[in-house]
Protein backbone atom coordinates (compact mmCIF):
# COMPACT_ATOMS: atom_id res chain seq x y z
CA MET A 1 41.45 -46.09 71.23
CA VAL A 2 43.30 -43.58 73.38
CA GLY A 3 46.75 -43.64 71.78
CA MET A 4 50.25 -43.56 73.20
CA TYR A 5 52.14 -41.43 75.69
CA VAL A 6 54.08 -38.72 73.85
CA PRO A 7 55.86 -36.06 75.95
CA SER A 8 56.09 -32.81 74.02
CA HIS A 9 59.88 -33.01 73.70
CA PHE A 10 59.56 -36.43 72.03
CA ALA A 11 56.82 -35.45 69.56
CA ALA A 12 57.85 -36.41 66.02
CA SER A 13 58.01 -33.69 63.40
CA ASP A 14 55.87 -33.74 60.26
CA ALA A 15 59.00 -34.46 58.22
CA GLU A 16 59.86 -37.46 60.40
CA VAL A 17 56.32 -38.83 60.06
CA ASP A 18 56.28 -38.29 56.29
CA ARG A 19 59.57 -40.14 55.90
CA LEU A 20 58.46 -42.98 58.18
CA LEU A 21 55.27 -43.53 56.16
CA ALA A 22 57.02 -43.16 52.79
CA GLU A 23 59.49 -45.88 53.77
CA LEU A 24 56.78 -48.08 55.27
CA THR A 25 57.34 -51.82 55.00
CA ALA A 26 54.99 -53.63 57.37
CA VAL A 27 52.74 -52.83 60.34
CA ASP A 28 50.88 -54.46 63.18
CA LEU A 29 47.20 -53.92 62.36
CA VAL A 30 44.94 -54.07 65.42
CA THR A 31 41.12 -54.00 65.38
CA ALA A 32 38.69 -54.33 68.27
CA GLY A 33 35.88 -56.79 67.64
CA PRO A 34 33.07 -58.39 69.68
CA ALA A 35 35.42 -61.15 70.89
CA GLY A 36 38.27 -58.76 71.74
CA LEU A 37 41.33 -57.50 69.89
CA GLN A 38 42.32 -58.99 66.53
CA ALA A 39 45.91 -58.34 65.41
CA SER A 40 47.66 -59.10 62.12
CA PHE A 41 51.17 -58.40 60.88
CA LEU A 42 51.11 -57.36 57.24
CA PRO A 43 52.95 -55.31 54.62
CA MET A 44 51.21 -52.03 53.84
CA LEU A 45 51.80 -49.00 51.65
CA TYR A 46 51.06 -45.37 52.42
CA ASP A 47 48.79 -43.72 49.85
CA ALA A 48 49.39 -40.03 50.51
CA GLU A 49 46.80 -38.88 47.97
CA ALA A 50 44.05 -41.03 49.49
CA GLY A 51 45.23 -40.50 53.05
CA SER A 52 45.28 -44.21 53.82
CA LEU A 53 47.36 -47.32 54.37
CA VAL A 54 46.64 -50.23 52.02
CA GLY A 55 47.48 -53.91 52.22
CA HIS A 56 45.87 -57.33 52.06
CA LEU A 57 44.99 -60.25 54.30
CA ALA A 58 44.42 -63.91 53.59
CA ARG A 59 40.74 -64.53 52.89
CA ASN A 60 40.77 -67.16 55.63
CA ASN A 61 41.95 -64.58 58.18
CA PRO A 62 38.82 -63.42 60.09
CA HIS A 63 40.39 -60.03 60.77
CA TRP A 64 39.03 -58.41 57.62
CA GLN A 65 35.46 -59.42 58.50
CA LEU A 66 35.50 -57.05 61.47
CA ALA A 67 35.31 -54.13 59.04
CA ALA A 68 31.74 -55.17 58.16
CA ASP A 69 30.65 -55.05 61.82
CA PRO A 70 28.70 -51.81 62.47
CA ASP A 71 30.02 -51.82 66.04
CA CYS A 72 33.63 -51.95 64.90
CA GLY A 73 35.44 -48.82 66.01
CA GLU A 74 38.80 -47.48 64.94
CA SER A 75 41.59 -49.75 63.82
CA LEU A 76 45.21 -49.09 64.68
CA ALA A 77 48.33 -49.64 62.58
CA ILE A 78 51.57 -49.63 64.57
CA VAL A 79 54.44 -48.42 62.41
CA ARG A 80 58.02 -48.91 63.59
CA GLY A 81 61.04 -46.97 62.41
CA PRO A 82 64.68 -47.44 63.46
CA ASP A 83 65.34 -48.26 67.12
CA CYS A 84 68.31 -49.22 69.29
CA TYR A 85 69.66 -49.61 72.82
CA ILE A 86 71.46 -46.60 74.30
CA SER A 87 74.27 -47.36 76.76
CA PRO A 88 74.92 -44.90 79.62
CA SER A 89 78.61 -45.61 79.06
CA TRP A 90 78.38 -43.28 76.06
CA TYR A 91 77.42 -40.29 78.25
CA PRO A 92 80.20 -37.97 79.46
CA SER A 93 77.88 -37.29 82.41
CA LYS A 94 78.47 -40.87 83.59
CA ALA A 95 82.03 -39.88 84.55
CA GLU A 96 80.83 -36.62 86.09
CA HIS A 97 78.15 -37.86 88.49
CA GLY A 98 77.10 -41.40 87.54
CA ARG A 99 73.38 -40.60 87.68
CA VAL A 100 72.56 -42.22 84.33
CA VAL A 101 70.71 -45.34 83.23
CA PRO A 102 70.23 -47.22 79.95
CA THR A 103 67.42 -46.26 77.61
CA TRP A 104 66.09 -46.91 74.12
CA ASN A 105 65.92 -44.53 71.15
CA TYR A 106 63.31 -45.02 68.46
CA LEU A 107 60.86 -43.58 65.95
CA THR A 108 57.34 -44.98 65.89
CA ALA A 109 53.84 -43.97 64.85
CA GLN A 110 50.35 -45.13 65.69
CA VAL A 111 48.00 -44.62 62.76
CA PHE A 112 44.28 -44.67 63.56
CA GLY A 113 41.39 -44.94 61.15
CA ARG A 114 38.43 -46.77 59.71
CA LEU A 115 39.07 -50.14 58.10
CA VAL A 116 37.60 -50.63 54.62
CA VAL A 117 37.57 -53.95 52.73
CA HIS A 118 38.26 -54.33 48.99
CA GLN A 119 37.39 -57.54 47.14
CA ASP A 120 37.48 -56.24 43.57
CA THR A 121 40.03 -58.27 41.61
CA GLU A 122 41.43 -55.33 39.68
CA TRP A 123 41.87 -53.28 42.87
CA LEU A 124 43.77 -56.19 44.36
CA ARG A 125 45.86 -56.63 41.21
CA GLY A 126 46.85 -52.97 41.35
CA LEU A 127 47.70 -53.26 45.03
CA VAL A 128 49.94 -56.33 44.73
CA THR A 129 51.66 -54.70 41.74
CA ARG A 130 52.42 -51.58 43.80
CA LEU A 131 53.58 -53.63 46.77
CA THR A 132 55.86 -55.72 44.58
CA GLU A 133 57.38 -52.73 42.80
CA HIS A 134 57.95 -50.95 46.12
CA HIS A 135 59.82 -53.84 47.72
CA GLU A 136 61.64 -55.14 44.63
CA ALA A 137 63.09 -51.64 44.18
CA ARG A 138 64.57 -51.84 47.69
CA ARG A 139 66.50 -55.06 47.01
CA THR A 140 70.26 -54.74 47.13
CA ASP A 141 71.04 -58.11 45.51
CA GLN A 142 70.97 -58.95 41.81
CA LEU A 143 69.96 -62.61 42.09
CA GLY A 144 67.39 -63.44 39.43
CA GLY A 145 66.71 -59.81 38.57
CA ARG A 146 63.66 -57.83 39.63
CA TRP A 147 60.46 -59.88 39.94
CA ALA A 148 57.22 -58.46 38.53
CA VAL A 149 53.61 -59.55 39.00
CA SER A 150 53.41 -60.14 35.25
CA ASP A 151 56.10 -62.84 35.62
CA ALA A 152 53.52 -65.19 37.17
CA PRO A 153 51.20 -67.23 34.89
CA PRO A 154 47.87 -65.33 34.58
CA ALA A 155 45.70 -68.24 35.76
CA TYR A 156 47.94 -68.80 38.78
CA LEU A 157 47.89 -65.10 39.67
CA ASP A 158 44.10 -64.97 39.39
CA GLY A 159 43.86 -67.85 41.84
CA GLN A 160 46.18 -66.10 44.28
CA LEU A 161 44.11 -62.91 44.07
CA ARG A 162 40.96 -64.84 44.93
CA ALA A 163 42.67 -66.05 48.11
CA ILE A 164 43.24 -62.55 49.53
CA VAL A 165 41.15 -59.57 50.60
CA GLY A 166 42.30 -55.97 50.37
CA VAL A 167 42.20 -53.73 53.45
CA GLU A 168 42.47 -49.97 53.55
CA LEU A 169 42.95 -47.98 56.74
CA VAL A 170 41.42 -44.56 56.07
CA ILE A 171 43.50 -42.37 58.35
CA SER A 172 41.74 -40.21 60.93
CA ARG A 173 44.78 -39.30 63.05
CA ILE A 174 48.45 -40.11 63.56
CA GLU A 175 50.33 -40.04 66.85
CA ALA A 176 54.09 -40.26 66.40
CA LYS A 177 57.01 -40.33 68.80
CA ALA A 178 60.69 -39.69 68.07
CA LYS A 179 62.67 -40.50 71.22
CA LEU A 180 66.18 -39.48 70.15
CA SER A 181 67.99 -38.31 73.29
CA GLN A 182 66.42 -34.85 73.13
CA ASN A 183 66.21 -34.89 76.95
CA ARG A 184 70.00 -35.32 77.34
CA PRO A 185 72.63 -32.54 77.45
CA ALA A 186 74.40 -31.77 74.18
CA ALA A 187 77.56 -33.55 75.34
CA ASP A 188 75.61 -36.73 76.07
CA GLN A 189 73.90 -36.52 72.67
CA ALA A 190 77.32 -36.26 71.03
CA GLY A 191 78.42 -39.29 73.04
CA VAL A 192 75.44 -41.28 71.79
CA LEU A 193 76.23 -40.36 68.18
CA ALA A 194 79.82 -41.49 68.67
CA GLY A 195 78.70 -44.72 70.29
CA LEU A 196 76.20 -45.54 67.55
CA GLY A 197 78.66 -44.82 64.74
CA PRO A 198 78.15 -43.08 61.39
CA ASP A 199 76.09 -45.84 59.75
CA SER A 200 73.39 -46.12 62.41
CA PRO A 201 69.85 -45.29 61.20
CA VAL A 202 69.06 -43.94 64.66
CA ALA A 203 72.13 -41.69 64.54
CA GLU A 204 70.93 -40.41 61.17
CA LEU A 205 67.59 -39.50 62.72
CA MET A 206 69.36 -37.77 65.62
CA ARG A 207 71.44 -35.67 63.25
CA GLY A 208 68.30 -34.58 61.41
CA PRO A 209 67.93 -33.35 57.83
CA SER A 210 70.90 -31.01 58.13
CA GLY A 211 73.21 -33.96 58.88
């Protein structure tokens, strides 16, 4: 797989990539097989120590079987960060010369690697526990309290684990793009920040770590 178009001024920094992966929720996983491309949307976690993304697929989903094909090449996980529409009405340069058009600001990464399958029950149990803890911790409501894997009856949980297959994308390279109005004059960037407002995730990315 070739990858995506990333002009040098839109190349994401290491810090932006690290944050994007640390806050990972779900990806589009794409694998090329004999019959063509197979794509699945699934929650995944970034394992920084192992250098991989981990998740699981339904056992009935044929996607995971591609990993056993010796002709299977790289797989691709598409990771999306914040994104939003940018109106040219926010640019002071609109009033100056009018040579402006709408665009889109975003942070995204394409993560390439080799797909590995895990069917060991204890590996899967550890994975679903980590996934659950990661996402339950992000909840902002208090309805019913935090759910834990141990809340489910053991026999029921064992049955659910038998119905899934673990997948691990062992990362070989990451191509990331942070298109955040870097190609606009400072006044236009300030106009975008004002238009987006203080609570916009894209505005936060534009301001950078220094705020």
